[in-house]
Amino acid sequence: MEGSRIKNEDQYDALRDKRYSKEKAARIANTPNAGKKGGKASPYEDWTKEELYQQAKNVDIDGRSKMNKSELIKALRKD
């Protein structure tokens, strides 16, 4: 994508290959540390519901506003 502002082109292309929309793929590929593995994030169970909600919002999970903490965790792990 010449001239684009995608931070992680490889991840963006992989997401597009999986039929993610251009917008969703760009949002995910532009997150901090996009595509890096071995991060030091704590398990979702240690996150607050608000933190989980914000992550679900970042990756555009439908129905997130009506989910409880365990449902948010399950949805995030599917995505």
N, C-alpha and C. Protein backbone atom coordinates (compact mmCIF):
# COMPACT_ATOMS: atom_id res chain seq x y z
N MET A 1 0.84 -1.18 0.00
CA MET A 1 0.00 0.00 0.00
C MET A 1 0.88 1.25 0.00
N GLU A 2 1.29 1.63 -1.12
CA GLU A 2 2.20 2.76 -1.25
C GLU A 2 1.53 4.03 -0.76
N GLY A 3 2.24 4.80 0.08
CA GLY A 3 1.74 6.06 0.59
C GLY A 3 0.74 5.92 1.73
N SER A 4 0.56 4.70 2.21
CA SER A 4 -0.40 4.51 3.30
C SER A 4 0.23 4.82 4.64
N ARG A 5 -0.62 4.87 5.66
CA ARG A 5 -0.14 5.10 7.01
C ARG A 5 -0.34 3.85 7.87
N ILE A 6 -0.26 2.70 7.26
CA ILE A 6 -0.38 1.44 7.98
C ILE A 6 0.96 1.15 8.67
N LYS A 7 0.93 0.92 9.98
CA LYS A 7 2.17 0.68 10.72
C LYS A 7 2.73 -0.71 10.47
N ASN A 8 1.85 -1.69 10.28
CA ASN A 8 2.30 -3.06 10.09
C ASN A 8 1.65 -3.62 8.82
N GLU A 9 2.31 -3.40 7.70
CA GLU A 9 1.77 -3.80 6.39
C GLU A 9 1.52 -5.30 6.29
N ASP A 10 2.45 -6.10 6.83
CA ASP A 10 2.29 -7.56 6.76
C ASP A 10 1.05 -8.01 7.50
N GLN A 11 0.84 -7.47 8.68
CA GLN A 11 -0.34 -7.84 9.45
C GLN A 11 -1.61 -7.38 8.73
N TYR A 12 -1.58 -6.17 8.17
CA TYR A 12 -2.72 -5.64 7.43
C TYR A 12 -3.07 -6.58 6.27
N ASP A 13 -2.06 -6.98 5.51
CA ASP A 13 -2.29 -7.87 4.37
C ASP A 13 -2.85 -9.22 4.81
N ALA A 14 -2.33 -9.74 5.91
CA ALA A 14 -2.82 -11.03 6.43
C ALA A 14 -4.27 -10.92 6.86
N LEU A 15 -4.62 -9.82 7.48
CA LEU A 15 -6.02 -9.62 7.90
C LEU A 15 -6.94 -9.45 6.70
N ARG A 16 -6.48 -8.76 5.69
CA ARG A 16 -7.29 -8.60 4.47
C ARG A 16 -7.47 -9.95 3.78
N ASP A 17 -6.43 -10.80 3.81
CA ASP A 17 -6.55 -12.15 3.26
C ASP A 17 -7.60 -12.96 4.00
N LYS A 18 -7.79 -12.65 5.29
CA LYS A 18 -8.81 -13.33 6.09
C LYS A 18 -10.18 -12.66 5.94
N ARG A 19 -10.28 -11.75 4.98
CA ARG A 19 -11.52 -11.04 4.64
C ARG A 19 -11.98 -10.01 5.67
N TYR A 20 -11.05 -9.49 6.47
CA TYR A 20 -11.37 -8.36 7.33
C TYR A 20 -11.59 -7.14 6.45
N SER A 21 -12.46 -6.23 6.88
CA SER A 21 -12.67 -5.01 6.11
C SER A 21 -11.38 -4.18 6.13
N LYS A 22 -11.24 -3.28 5.18
CA LYS A 22 -10.05 -2.42 5.14
C LYS A 22 -9.92 -1.62 6.43
N GLU A 23 -11.06 -1.12 6.91
CA GLU A 23 -11.04 -0.30 8.12
C GLU A 23 -10.62 -1.10 9.34
N LYS A 24 -11.19 -2.30 9.51
CA LYS A 24 -10.86 -3.11 10.68
C LYS A 24 -9.41 -3.58 10.62
N ALA A 25 -8.97 -4.01 9.45
CA ALA A 25 -7.59 -4.45 9.29
C ALA A 25 -6.62 -3.30 9.60
N ALA A 26 -6.95 -2.10 9.16
CA ALA A 26 -6.09 -0.94 9.41
C ALA A 26 -6.05 -0.61 10.90
N ARG A 27 -7.21 -0.66 11.56
CA ARG A 27 -7.24 -0.38 12.99
C ARG A 27 -6.37 -1.35 13.77
N ILE A 28 -6.48 -2.63 13.44
CA ILE A 28 -5.70 -3.64 14.15
C ILE A 28 -4.21 -3.48 13.84
N ALA A 29 -3.88 -3.29 12.58
CA ALA A 29 -2.47 -3.17 12.17
C ALA A 29 -1.83 -1.89 12.69
N ASN A 30 -2.64 -0.91 13.06
CA ASN A 30 -2.10 0.35 13.56
C ASN A 30 -2.09 0.45 15.08
N THR A 31 -2.48 -0.61 15.77
CA THR A 31 -2.43 -0.57 17.23
C THR A 31 -0.97 -0.59 17.68
N PRO A 32 -0.71 -0.05 18.87
CA PRO A 32 0.68 -0.08 19.36
C PRO A 32 1.19 -1.52 19.41
N ASN A 33 2.41 -1.71 19.02
CA ASN A 33 3.06 -3.02 19.00
C ASN A 33 2.36 -4.01 18.08
N ALA A 34 1.73 -3.52 17.04
CA ALA A 34 0.99 -4.38 16.11
C ALA A 34 1.90 -5.47 15.55
N GLY A 35 1.43 -6.69 15.65
CA GLY A 35 2.14 -7.81 15.07
C GLY A 35 3.30 -8.34 15.88
N LYS A 36 3.60 -7.71 16.99
CA LYS A 36 4.71 -8.19 17.81
C LYS A 36 4.19 -9.26 18.75
N LYS A 37 4.98 -10.28 18.94
CA LYS A 37 4.59 -11.37 19.83
C LYS A 37 5.43 -11.32 21.09
N GLY A 38 4.95 -12.02 22.09
CA GLY A 38 5.71 -12.09 23.33
C GLY A 38 5.58 -10.87 24.20
N GLY A 39 4.47 -10.15 24.05
CA GLY A 39 4.26 -8.96 24.86
C GLY A 39 4.09 -9.31 26.33
N LYS A 40 4.04 -8.30 27.14
CA LYS A 40 3.95 -8.52 28.57
C LYS A 40 2.57 -8.15 29.11
N ALA A 41 1.56 -8.23 28.28
CA ALA A 41 0.21 -7.93 28.73
C ALA A 41 -0.25 -9.02 29.69
N SER A 42 -0.98 -8.58 30.69
CA SER A 42 -1.51 -9.55 31.65
C SER A 42 -2.70 -10.28 31.03
N PRO A 43 -3.05 -11.44 31.56
CA PRO A 43 -4.20 -12.18 31.02
C PRO A 43 -5.47 -11.35 31.12
N TYR A 44 -6.38 -11.56 30.19
CA TYR A 44 -7.63 -10.80 30.18
C TYR A 44 -8.35 -10.87 31.53
N GLU A 45 -8.23 -11.97 32.24
CA GLU A 45 -8.90 -12.11 33.53
C GLU A 45 -8.43 -11.06 34.54
N ASP A 46 -7.24 -10.54 34.35
CA ASP A 46 -6.70 -9.51 35.25
C ASP A 46 -7.12 -8.10 34.83
N TRP A 47 -7.71 -7.95 33.67
CA TRP A 47 -8.13 -6.64 33.17
C TRP A 47 -9.46 -6.25 33.81
N THR A 48 -9.72 -4.96 33.88
CA THR A 48 -11.03 -4.50 34.34
C THR A 48 -12.02 -4.63 33.19
N LYS A 49 -13.30 -4.58 33.53
CA LYS A 49 -14.31 -4.65 32.48
C LYS A 49 -14.15 -3.48 31.50
N GLU A 50 -13.84 -2.30 32.02
CA GLU A 50 -13.64 -1.12 31.15
C GLU A 50 -12.47 -1.33 30.20
N GLU A 51 -11.38 -1.89 30.68
CA GLU A 51 -10.22 -2.17 29.81
C GLU A 51 -10.60 -3.17 28.72
N LEU A 52 -11.34 -4.20 29.11
CA LEU A 52 -11.79 -5.19 28.13
C LEU A 52 -12.72 -4.55 27.10
N TYR A 53 -13.62 -3.69 27.58
CA TYR A 53 -14.54 -2.99 26.68
C TYR A 53 -13.76 -2.15 25.67
N GLN A 54 -12.76 -1.41 26.15
CA GLN A 54 -11.97 -0.57 25.25
C GLN A 54 -11.23 -1.40 24.20
N GLN A 55 -10.71 -2.56 24.62
CA GLN A 55 -10.03 -3.44 23.66
C GLN A 55 -11.03 -3.98 22.64
N ALA A 56 -12.22 -4.36 23.12
CA ALA A 56 -13.27 -4.84 22.21
C ALA A 56 -13.67 -3.74 21.23
N LYS A 57 -13.69 -2.52 21.70
CA LYS A 57 -13.99 -1.37 20.84
C LYS A 57 -12.89 -1.20 19.79
N ASN A 58 -11.63 -1.35 20.21
CA ASN A 58 -10.49 -1.20 19.29
C ASN A 58 -10.54 -2.19 18.14
N VAL A 59 -11.04 -3.40 18.42
CA VAL A 59 -11.09 -4.42 17.37
C VAL A 59 -12.50 -4.60 16.80
N ASP A 60 -13.39 -3.66 17.17
CA ASP A 60 -14.73 -3.56 16.57
C ASP A 60 -15.59 -4.82 16.79
N ILE A 61 -15.70 -5.25 18.03
CA ILE A 61 -16.55 -6.39 18.36
C ILE A 61 -17.98 -5.91 18.53
N ASP A 62 -18.88 -6.47 17.74
CA ASP A 62 -20.29 -6.10 17.80
C ASP A 62 -20.91 -6.56 19.11
N GLY A 63 -21.82 -5.77 19.65
CA GLY A 63 -22.55 -6.13 20.84
C GLY A 63 -21.79 -5.97 22.13
N ARG A 64 -20.63 -5.35 22.08
CA ARG A 64 -19.76 -5.25 23.26
C ARG A 64 -20.40 -4.48 24.41
N SER A 65 -21.26 -3.52 24.12
CA SER A 65 -21.84 -2.70 25.19
C SER A 65 -22.77 -3.50 26.09
N LYS A 66 -23.28 -4.62 25.61
CA LYS A 66 -24.20 -5.44 26.40
C LYS A 66 -23.51 -6.64 27.04
N MET A 67 -22.20 -6.77 26.84
CA MET A 67 -21.48 -7.94 27.35
C MET A 67 -20.97 -7.72 28.76
N ASN A 68 -20.97 -8.81 29.54
CA ASN A 68 -20.33 -8.75 30.85
C ASN A 68 -18.85 -9.10 30.67
N LYS A 69 -18.11 -9.09 31.76
CA LYS A 69 -16.67 -9.29 31.68
C LYS A 69 -16.30 -10.63 31.02
N SER A 70 -16.94 -11.71 31.43
CA SER A 70 -16.58 -13.01 30.86
C SER A 70 -16.95 -13.10 29.38
N GLU A 71 -18.03 -12.45 28.98
CA GLU A 71 -18.42 -12.44 27.56
C GLU A 71 -17.43 -11.63 26.74
N LEU A 72 -16.94 -10.52 27.30
CA LEU A 72 -15.93 -9.72 26.60
C LEU A 72 -14.65 -10.52 26.40
N ILE A 73 -14.23 -11.23 27.43
CA ILE A 73 -13.02 -12.07 27.33
C ILE A 73 -13.21 -13.10 26.23
N LYS A 74 -14.33 -13.79 26.23
CA LYS A 74 -14.60 -14.82 25.22
C LYS A 74 -14.59 -14.22 23.81
N ALA A 75 -15.23 -13.06 23.65
CA ALA A 75 -15.28 -12.40 22.34
C ALA A 75 -13.89 -11.96 21.88
N LEU A 76 -13.09 -11.44 22.78
CA LEU A 76 -11.74 -11.00 22.43
C LEU A 76 -10.85 -12.17 22.03
N ARG A 77 -11.05 -13.30 22.66
CA ARG A 77 -10.23 -14.46 22.32
C ARG A 77 -10.62 -15.07 20.98
N LYS A 78 -11.84 -14.87 20.55
CA LYS A 78 -12.27 -15.36 19.22
C LYS A 78 -11.68 -14.50 18.13
N ASP A 79 -11.58 -13.19 18.38
CA ASP A 79 -11.15 -12.24 17.36
C ASP A 79 -9.70 -12.30 17.17
